[in-house]
Amino acid sequence: MAPIPAPQAEPQDSPEAYVGLDAAQAERRARERGWTTVRSLPPGTIITMEYRAGRLNFEVRDGLVVRAWKG
């Protein structure tokens, strides 16, 4: 049987640091800091709740990040 791959380490970064930033600036910063997937979502978007290591989610209102979370 093949070994189970180890989960990828997430960047040592705080999602709260992105709140208040322009969405484009926040995405650039997240990618520079090592997040492999960055997802910008409008408020109230319905999403699945699966956790993905290396993904950073942004809730964006009027072009600004109002909430950010891992997974």
N, C-alpha and C. Protein backbone atom coordinates (compact mmCIF):
# COMPACT_ATOMS: atom_id res chain seq x y z
N MET A 1 0.85 -1.17 0.00
CA MET A 1 0.00 0.00 0.00
C MET A 1 0.90 1.24 0.00
N ALA A 2 0.50 2.26 -0.74
CA ALA A 2 1.27 3.50 -0.83
C ALA A 2 1.14 4.27 0.48
N PRO A 3 2.21 4.97 0.88
CA PRO A 3 2.13 5.75 2.11
C PRO A 3 1.19 6.94 1.94
N ILE A 4 0.58 7.33 3.03
CA ILE A 4 -0.29 8.50 3.03
C ILE A 4 0.61 9.74 3.03
N PRO A 5 0.39 10.66 2.08
CA PRO A 5 1.26 11.84 2.03
C PRO A 5 1.05 12.73 3.26
N ALA A 6 2.13 13.33 3.71
CA ALA A 6 2.05 14.26 4.84
C ALA A 6 1.40 15.55 4.38
N PRO A 7 0.54 16.14 5.21
CA PRO A 7 -0.08 17.40 4.80
C PRO A 7 0.98 18.50 4.66
N GLN A 8 0.73 19.37 3.71
CA GLN A 8 1.64 20.48 3.47
C GLN A 8 1.59 21.46 4.65
N ALA A 9 2.74 21.95 5.04
CA ALA A 9 2.79 22.93 6.13
C ALA A 9 2.21 24.26 5.65
N GLU A 10 1.43 24.89 6.50
CA GLU A 10 0.86 26.18 6.15
C GLU A 10 1.83 27.29 6.51
N PRO A 11 1.75 28.41 5.82
CA PRO A 11 2.60 29.55 6.16
C PRO A 11 2.33 30.01 7.59
N GLN A 12 3.36 30.48 8.25
CA GLN A 12 3.20 31.06 9.58
C GLN A 12 2.72 32.49 9.40
N ASP A 13 1.42 32.63 9.24
CA ASP A 13 0.82 33.90 8.87
C ASP A 13 -0.55 33.99 9.53
N SER A 14 -0.93 35.16 9.96
CA SER A 14 -2.21 35.36 10.62
C SER A 14 -3.26 35.88 9.64
N PRO A 15 -4.35 35.17 9.45
CA PRO A 15 -5.40 35.65 8.55
C PRO A 15 -5.93 37.03 8.94
N GLU A 16 -5.95 37.34 10.22
CA GLU A 16 -6.47 38.63 10.67
C GLU A 16 -5.67 39.81 10.11
N ALA A 17 -4.42 39.57 9.73
CA ALA A 17 -3.56 40.63 9.20
C ALA A 17 -4.05 41.13 7.83
N TYR A 18 -4.93 40.39 7.18
CA TYR A 18 -5.41 40.76 5.85
C TYR A 18 -6.68 41.61 5.89
N VAL A 19 -7.36 41.62 7.02
CA VAL A 19 -8.61 42.36 7.14
C VAL A 19 -8.32 43.86 6.99
N GLY A 20 -9.09 44.50 6.13
CA GLY A 20 -8.94 45.92 5.86
C GLY A 20 -8.10 46.23 4.63
N LEU A 21 -7.41 45.22 4.09
CA LEU A 21 -6.59 45.44 2.89
C LEU A 21 -7.45 45.40 1.64
N ASP A 22 -7.00 46.08 0.60
CA ASP A 22 -7.58 45.96 -0.73
C ASP A 22 -7.47 44.49 -1.15
N ALA A 23 -8.49 43.95 -1.79
CA ALA A 23 -8.51 42.52 -2.13
C ALA A 23 -7.32 42.10 -2.99
N ALA A 24 -6.96 42.89 -3.99
CA ALA A 24 -5.84 42.54 -4.86
C ALA A 24 -4.53 42.55 -4.08
N GLN A 25 -4.35 43.55 -3.23
CA GLN A 25 -3.14 43.64 -2.40
C GLN A 25 -3.07 42.45 -1.44
N ALA A 26 -4.19 42.08 -0.86
CA ALA A 26 -4.23 40.95 0.07
C ALA A 26 -3.86 39.65 -0.64
N GLU A 27 -4.38 39.46 -1.86
CA GLU A 27 -4.06 38.24 -2.60
C GLU A 27 -2.57 38.18 -2.94
N ARG A 28 -2.00 39.29 -3.39
CA ARG A 28 -0.55 39.32 -3.70
C ARG A 28 0.27 38.97 -2.45
N ARG A 29 -0.08 39.59 -1.34
CA ARG A 29 0.65 39.35 -0.09
C ARG A 29 0.54 37.89 0.34
N ALA A 30 -0.65 37.33 0.22
CA ALA A 30 -0.85 35.93 0.62
C ALA A 30 0.00 35.00 -0.22
N ARG A 31 0.04 35.22 -1.51
CA ARG A 31 0.85 34.36 -2.39
C ARG A 31 2.34 34.54 -2.10
N GLU A 32 2.77 35.76 -1.83
CA GLU A 32 4.18 36.01 -1.48
C GLU A 32 4.56 35.29 -0.20
N ARG A 33 3.61 35.16 0.71
CA ARG A 33 3.88 34.53 2.01
C ARG A 33 3.73 33.02 1.97
N GLY A 34 3.39 32.46 0.80
CA GLY A 34 3.40 31.02 0.66
C GLY A 34 2.07 30.31 0.62
N TRP A 35 0.95 31.02 0.62
CA TRP A 35 -0.34 30.36 0.49
C TRP A 35 -0.47 29.84 -0.93
N THR A 36 -0.81 28.56 -1.08
CA THR A 36 -0.88 27.97 -2.41
C THR A 36 -2.19 28.27 -3.11
N THR A 37 -3.26 28.47 -2.35
CA THR A 37 -4.56 28.80 -2.92
C THR A 37 -5.12 29.99 -2.16
N VAL A 38 -5.57 30.99 -2.90
CA VAL A 38 -6.18 32.18 -2.29
C VAL A 38 -7.54 32.34 -2.95
N ARG A 39 -8.57 32.46 -2.11
CA ARG A 39 -9.93 32.50 -2.64
C ARG A 39 -10.64 33.74 -2.10
N SER A 40 -11.11 34.61 -3.00
CA SER A 40 -11.87 35.81 -2.63
C SER A 40 -13.35 35.54 -2.88
N LEU A 41 -14.15 35.81 -1.87
CA LEU A 41 -15.58 35.50 -1.94
C LEU A 41 -16.41 36.71 -1.55
N PRO A 42 -17.53 36.94 -2.24
CA PRO A 42 -18.44 38.00 -1.79
C PRO A 42 -19.15 37.57 -0.51
N PRO A 43 -19.63 38.53 0.28
CA PRO A 43 -20.35 38.18 1.52
C PRO A 43 -21.53 37.26 1.23
N GLY A 44 -21.71 36.27 2.09
CA GLY A 44 -22.85 35.37 1.99
C GLY A 44 -22.71 34.25 0.98
N THR A 45 -21.54 34.12 0.36
CA THR A 45 -21.33 33.05 -0.60
C THR A 45 -21.44 31.69 0.09
N ILE A 46 -22.14 30.79 -0.54
CA ILE A 46 -22.27 29.43 0.00
C ILE A 46 -21.06 28.63 -0.47
N ILE A 47 -20.33 28.06 0.48
CA ILE A 47 -19.14 27.27 0.16
C ILE A 47 -19.19 25.96 0.92
N THR A 48 -18.46 24.98 0.43
CA THR A 48 -18.34 23.73 1.16
C THR A 48 -17.39 23.94 2.33
N MET A 49 -17.47 23.09 3.32
CA MET A 49 -16.70 23.28 4.54
C MET A 49 -15.46 22.38 4.62
N GLU A 50 -15.04 21.77 3.50
CA GLU A 50 -13.84 20.94 3.56
C GLU A 50 -12.63 21.83 3.84
N TYR A 51 -11.73 21.29 4.61
CA TYR A 51 -10.52 22.03 4.97
C TYR A 51 -9.41 21.68 3.99
N ARG A 52 -8.75 22.68 3.44
CA ARG A 52 -7.62 22.46 2.54
C ARG A 52 -6.41 23.19 3.08
N ALA A 53 -5.40 22.43 3.42
CA ALA A 53 -4.15 23.03 3.90
C ALA A 53 -3.58 23.91 2.80
N GLY A 54 -3.09 25.07 3.19
CA GLY A 54 -2.47 25.98 2.23
C GLY A 54 -3.44 26.92 1.55
N ARG A 55 -4.72 26.88 1.93
CA ARG A 55 -5.71 27.78 1.31
C ARG A 55 -6.07 28.89 2.29
N LEU A 56 -6.13 30.11 1.77
CA LEU A 56 -6.56 31.27 2.54
C LEU A 56 -7.79 31.84 1.85
N ASN A 57 -8.84 32.05 2.62
CA ASN A 57 -10.10 32.57 2.10
C ASN A 57 -10.30 34.01 2.54
N PHE A 58 -10.80 34.83 1.64
CA PHE A 58 -11.14 36.22 1.95
C PHE A 58 -12.61 36.46 1.66
N GLU A 59 -13.29 37.11 2.59
CA GLU A 59 -14.62 37.65 2.30
C GLU A 59 -14.39 39.11 1.93
N VAL A 60 -14.83 39.48 0.73
CA VAL A 60 -14.54 40.81 0.19
C VAL A 60 -15.83 41.60 0.01
N ARG A 61 -15.85 42.81 0.58
CA ARG A 61 -17.00 43.71 0.42
C ARG A 61 -16.46 45.06 -0.04
N ASP A 62 -17.01 45.58 -1.12
CA ASP A 62 -16.59 46.87 -1.68
C ASP A 62 -15.09 46.93 -1.91
N GLY A 63 -14.51 45.81 -2.36
CA GLY A 63 -13.10 45.76 -2.71
C GLY A 63 -12.14 45.58 -1.55
N LEU A 64 -12.68 45.50 -0.31
CA LEU A 64 -11.82 45.34 0.88
C LEU A 64 -12.09 44.01 1.55
N VAL A 65 -11.05 43.43 2.11
CA VAL A 65 -11.18 42.18 2.87
C VAL A 65 -11.82 42.51 4.21
N VAL A 66 -12.97 41.88 4.50
CA VAL A 66 -13.67 42.12 5.77
C VAL A 66 -13.54 40.92 6.71
N ARG A 67 -13.09 39.78 6.15
CA ARG A 67 -12.88 38.57 6.96
C ARG A 67 -11.89 37.69 6.23
N ALA A 68 -11.04 36.99 6.97
CA ALA A 68 -10.09 36.07 6.36
C ALA A 68 -9.94 34.85 7.27
N TRP A 69 -9.84 33.65 6.63
CA TRP A 69 -9.69 32.43 7.41
C TRP A 69 -8.95 31.37 6.60
N LYS A 70 -8.34 30.44 7.31
CA LYS A 70 -7.60 29.34 6.69
C LYS A 70 -8.56 28.25 6.24
N GLY A 71 -8.10 27.49 5.26
CA GLY A 71 -8.79 26.28 4.87
C GLY A 71 -9.62 26.41 3.66
